[in-house]
Amino acid sequence: MTRPEIREVIIEILERIAPDEDLSNLNDSVPFREQMELDSMDFLDIVMELRKQYRVQIPESEYEHLVTMDSTVNYLEPKLADTPK
């Protein structure tokens, strides 16, 4: 999967988790929680969606890599490199 494809996957997950949020102006370098009304359960939903859809295991110790869109894409890129969208 390419970086733009990974970003699109994350956007799709965020749209399902927070359907009332306007993601059109999402700043990729600003933490999600500063831009959206996400609580810890929403964050876990993101992790669970990635596990369910793409079989990506994300240990709790690595959640810090999922703070912004940029950091999330950077973290997922090697894990999803050989995964079709």
N, C-alpha and C. Protein backbone atom coordinates (compact mmCIF):
# COMPACT_ATOMS: atom_id res chain seq x y z
N MET A 1 0.84 -1.18 0.00
CA MET A 1 0.00 0.00 0.00
C MET A 1 0.89 1.24 0.00
N THR A 2 0.49 2.23 -0.74
CA THR A 2 1.26 3.47 -0.80
C THR A 2 0.86 4.39 0.36
N ARG A 3 1.66 5.42 0.56
CA ARG A 3 1.35 6.40 1.62
C ARG A 3 -0.03 7.03 1.42
N PRO A 4 -0.37 7.48 0.20
CA PRO A 4 -1.72 8.04 0.00
C PRO A 4 -2.84 7.02 0.27
N GLU A 5 -2.61 5.77 -0.07
CA GLU A 5 -3.61 4.74 0.19
C GLU A 5 -3.78 4.51 1.69
N ILE A 6 -2.67 4.49 2.41
CA ILE A 6 -2.73 4.32 3.87
C ILE A 6 -3.48 5.50 4.49
N ARG A 7 -3.18 6.70 4.02
CA ARG A 7 -3.87 7.88 4.54
C ARG A 7 -5.37 7.77 4.29
N GLU A 8 -5.74 7.31 3.11
CA GLU A 8 -7.16 7.15 2.78
C GLU A 8 -7.83 6.11 3.67
N VAL A 9 -7.13 5.04 3.97
CA VAL A 9 -7.66 4.01 4.88
C VAL A 9 -7.93 4.63 6.25
N ILE A 10 -7.00 5.42 6.74
CA ILE A 10 -7.17 6.05 8.05
C ILE A 10 -8.35 7.02 8.02
N ILE A 11 -8.47 7.79 6.95
CA ILE A 11 -9.61 8.71 6.81
C ILE A 11 -10.92 7.93 6.83
N GLU A 12 -10.98 6.82 6.11
CA GLU A 12 -12.20 6.00 6.08
C GLU A 12 -12.55 5.48 7.47
N ILE A 13 -11.55 5.05 8.22
CA ILE A 13 -11.78 4.56 9.59
C ILE A 13 -12.28 5.71 10.46
N LEU A 14 -11.64 6.86 10.35
CA LEU A 14 -12.07 8.02 11.15
C LEU A 14 -13.49 8.44 10.80
N GLU A 15 -13.85 8.37 9.54
CA GLU A 15 -15.21 8.72 9.13
C GLU A 15 -16.25 7.80 9.76
N ARG A 16 -15.91 6.53 9.90
CA ARG A 16 -16.84 5.58 10.54
C ARG A 16 -16.92 5.81 12.04
N ILE A 17 -15.79 6.10 12.65
CA ILE A 17 -15.74 6.27 14.10
C ILE A 17 -16.33 7.60 14.54
N ALA A 18 -16.08 8.64 13.76
CA ALA A 18 -16.55 9.99 14.10
C ALA A 18 -17.28 10.58 12.89
N PRO A 19 -18.48 10.08 12.60
CA PRO A 19 -19.18 10.50 11.38
C PRO A 19 -19.55 11.99 11.34
N ASP A 20 -19.62 12.65 12.47
CA ASP A 20 -19.99 14.06 12.50
C ASP A 20 -18.81 15.00 12.30
N GLU A 21 -17.60 14.46 12.27
CA GLU A 21 -16.40 15.28 12.12
C GLU A 21 -16.18 15.66 10.66
N ASP A 22 -15.72 16.88 10.45
CA ASP A 22 -15.33 17.34 9.11
C ASP A 22 -13.83 17.05 8.95
N LEU A 23 -13.52 16.08 8.14
CA LEU A 23 -12.12 15.67 7.96
C LEU A 23 -11.46 16.32 6.76
N SER A 24 -12.18 17.18 6.07
CA SER A 24 -11.65 17.79 4.85
C SER A 24 -10.46 18.71 5.12
N ASN A 25 -10.38 19.27 6.32
CA ASN A 25 -9.28 20.17 6.65
C ASN A 25 -8.32 19.57 7.67
N LEU A 26 -8.27 18.27 7.73
CA LEU A 26 -7.41 17.59 8.69
C LEU A 26 -5.94 17.93 8.40
N ASN A 27 -5.27 18.41 9.41
CA ASN A 27 -3.85 18.75 9.30
C ASN A 27 -3.05 17.51 9.69
N ASP A 28 -2.26 16.98 8.77
CA ASP A 28 -1.56 15.71 8.99
C ASP A 28 -0.49 15.77 10.07
N SER A 29 -0.06 16.96 10.45
CA SER A 29 1.01 17.06 11.45
C SER A 29 0.50 17.44 12.84
N VAL A 30 -0.80 17.67 12.99
CA VAL A 30 -1.39 18.04 14.28
C VAL A 30 -2.06 16.80 14.87
N PRO A 31 -1.89 16.55 16.17
CA PRO A 31 -2.52 15.37 16.77
C PRO A 31 -4.02 15.29 16.50
N PHE A 32 -4.49 14.07 16.26
CA PHE A 32 -5.90 13.85 15.98
C PHE A 32 -6.77 14.45 17.08
N ARG A 33 -6.37 14.24 18.33
CA ARG A 33 -7.20 14.68 19.46
C ARG A 33 -7.30 16.20 19.56
N GLU A 34 -6.38 16.92 18.96
CA GLU A 34 -6.47 18.38 18.95
C GLU A 34 -7.41 18.87 17.85
N GLN A 35 -7.73 18.00 16.91
CA GLN A 35 -8.56 18.39 15.77
C GLN A 35 -9.95 17.76 15.80
N MET A 36 -10.09 16.71 16.59
CA MET A 36 -11.34 15.95 16.58
C MET A 36 -11.75 15.62 18.00
N GLU A 37 -13.02 15.30 18.13
CA GLU A 37 -13.55 14.85 19.42
C GLU A 37 -13.35 13.34 19.53
N LEU A 38 -12.13 12.93 19.84
CA LEU A 38 -11.83 11.50 19.98
C LEU A 38 -11.51 11.21 21.44
N ASP A 39 -12.11 10.17 21.96
CA ASP A 39 -11.75 9.73 23.30
C ASP A 39 -10.93 8.44 23.20
N SER A 40 -10.57 7.89 24.32
CA SER A 40 -9.70 6.71 24.31
C SER A 40 -10.39 5.51 23.65
N MET A 41 -11.70 5.40 23.79
CA MET A 41 -12.41 4.29 23.13
C MET A 41 -12.39 4.45 21.61
N ASP A 42 -12.52 5.68 21.15
CA ASP A 42 -12.43 5.93 19.70
C ASP A 42 -11.06 5.53 19.19
N PHE A 43 -10.04 5.87 19.95
CA PHE A 43 -8.68 5.53 19.55
C PHE A 43 -8.52 4.00 19.46
N LEU A 44 -9.05 3.30 20.45
CA LEU A 44 -8.99 1.83 20.42
C LEU A 44 -9.77 1.27 19.23
N ASP A 45 -10.86 1.94 18.87
CA ASP A 45 -11.61 1.52 17.68
C ASP A 45 -10.75 1.61 16.42
N ILE A 46 -9.94 2.63 16.33
CA ILE A 46 -9.02 2.78 15.19
C ILE A 46 -8.07 1.58 15.14
N VAL A 47 -7.48 1.28 16.29
CA VAL A 47 -6.54 0.16 16.38
C VAL A 47 -7.24 -1.16 16.01
N MET A 48 -8.46 -1.34 16.51
CA MET A 48 -9.19 -2.58 16.23
C MET A 48 -9.57 -2.69 14.75
N GLU A 49 -9.94 -1.58 14.14
CA GLU A 49 -10.25 -1.59 12.70
C GLU A 49 -9.03 -1.98 11.88
N LEU A 50 -7.88 -1.46 12.24
CA LEU A 50 -6.65 -1.81 11.52
C LEU A 50 -6.35 -3.30 11.68
N ARG A 51 -6.59 -3.81 12.87
CA ARG A 51 -6.37 -5.24 13.11
C ARG A 51 -7.36 -6.07 12.29
N LYS A 52 -8.61 -5.67 12.32
CA LYS A 52 -9.66 -6.44 11.63
C LYS A 52 -9.48 -6.39 10.12
N GLN A 53 -9.26 -5.22 9.58
CA GLN A 53 -9.20 -5.08 8.12
C GLN A 53 -7.87 -5.54 7.52
N TYR A 54 -6.77 -5.28 8.24
CA TYR A 54 -5.45 -5.51 7.64
C TYR A 54 -4.54 -6.43 8.46
N ARG A 55 -5.08 -6.98 9.53
CA ARG A 55 -4.30 -7.88 10.38
C ARG A 55 -3.02 -7.25 10.91
N VAL A 56 -3.10 -5.96 11.21
CA VAL A 56 -1.97 -5.24 11.78
C VAL A 56 -2.08 -5.28 13.30
N GLN A 57 -1.10 -5.87 13.92
CA GLN A 57 -1.06 -5.91 15.38
C GLN A 57 -0.29 -4.68 15.88
N ILE A 58 -0.92 -3.88 16.71
CA ILE A 58 -0.26 -2.69 17.25
C ILE A 58 -0.22 -2.82 18.76
N PRO A 59 0.95 -3.11 19.31
CA PRO A 59 1.06 -3.23 20.76
C PRO A 59 0.79 -1.88 21.44
N GLU A 60 0.24 -1.94 22.63
CA GLU A 60 -0.08 -0.72 23.36
C GLU A 60 1.15 0.18 23.53
N SER A 61 2.30 -0.42 23.65
CA SER A 61 3.54 0.35 23.82
C SER A 61 3.89 1.19 22.59
N GLU A 62 3.23 0.90 21.45
CA GLU A 62 3.50 1.63 20.22
C GLU A 62 2.37 2.58 19.82
N TYR A 63 1.37 2.75 20.67
CA TYR A 63 0.26 3.66 20.39
C TYR A 63 0.75 5.09 20.17
N GLU A 64 1.87 5.43 20.78
CA GLU A 64 2.42 6.79 20.63
C GLU A 64 2.72 7.13 19.17
N HIS A 65 2.84 6.12 18.33
CA HIS A 65 3.13 6.35 16.91
C HIS A 65 1.87 6.69 16.11
N LEU A 66 0.73 6.68 16.76
CA LEU A 66 -0.54 6.91 16.07
C LEU A 66 -1.17 8.24 16.49
N VAL A 67 -0.37 9.22 16.79
CA VAL A 67 -0.87 10.49 17.32
C VAL A 67 -1.36 11.42 16.22
N THR A 68 -0.61 11.51 15.13
CA THR A 68 -0.97 12.37 14.00
C THR A 68 -1.15 11.50 12.76
N MET A 69 -1.69 12.09 11.73
CA MET A 69 -1.81 11.35 10.46
C MET A 69 -0.42 11.01 9.94
N ASP A 70 0.50 11.97 9.97
CA ASP A 70 1.86 11.72 9.47
C ASP A 70 2.52 10.57 10.24
N SER A 71 2.44 10.61 11.57
CA SER A 71 3.10 9.56 12.35
C SER A 71 2.42 8.21 12.15
N THR A 72 1.11 8.22 11.97
CA THR A 72 0.37 6.98 11.73
C THR A 72 0.76 6.36 10.39
N VAL A 73 0.82 7.18 9.35
CA VAL A 73 1.20 6.68 8.03
C VAL A 73 2.65 6.18 8.07
N ASN A 74 3.53 6.92 8.71
CA ASN A 74 4.93 6.48 8.83
C ASN A 74 5.04 5.14 9.55
N TYR A 75 4.26 4.97 10.59
CA TYR A 75 4.28 3.73 11.36
C TYR A 75 3.71 2.55 10.55
N LEU A 76 2.62 2.81 9.84
CA LEU A 76 1.96 1.72 9.12
C LEU A 76 2.60 1.38 7.78
N GLU A 77 3.32 2.31 7.20
CA GLU A 77 3.88 2.08 5.86
C GLU A 77 4.66 0.77 5.74
N PRO A 78 5.62 0.48 6.60
CA PRO A 78 6.34 -0.80 6.44
C PRO A 78 5.45 -2.01 6.74
N LYS A 79 4.47 -1.84 7.63
CA LYS A 79 3.59 -2.95 7.98
C LYS A 79 2.61 -3.30 6.87
N LEU A 80 2.26 -2.29 6.06
CA LEU A 80 1.27 -2.49 5.00
C LEU A 80 1.88 -2.45 3.60
N ALA A 81 3.19 -2.47 3.52
CA ALA A 81 3.88 -2.32 2.22
C ALA A 81 3.41 -3.34 1.19
N ASP A 82 3.19 -4.57 1.61
CA ASP A 82 2.82 -5.62 0.67
C ASP A 82 1.32 -5.95 0.70
N THR A 83 0.54 -5.06 1.29
CA THR A 83 -0.89 -5.27 1.42
C THR A 83 -1.65 -4.51 0.34
N PRO A 84 -2.51 -5.18 -0.40
CA PRO A 84 -3.34 -4.44 -1.37
C PRO A 84 -4.44 -3.68 -0.63
N LYS A 85 -4.84 -2.55 -1.19
CA LYS A 85 -5.88 -1.74 -0.54
C LYS A 85 -7.22 -2.41 -0.62
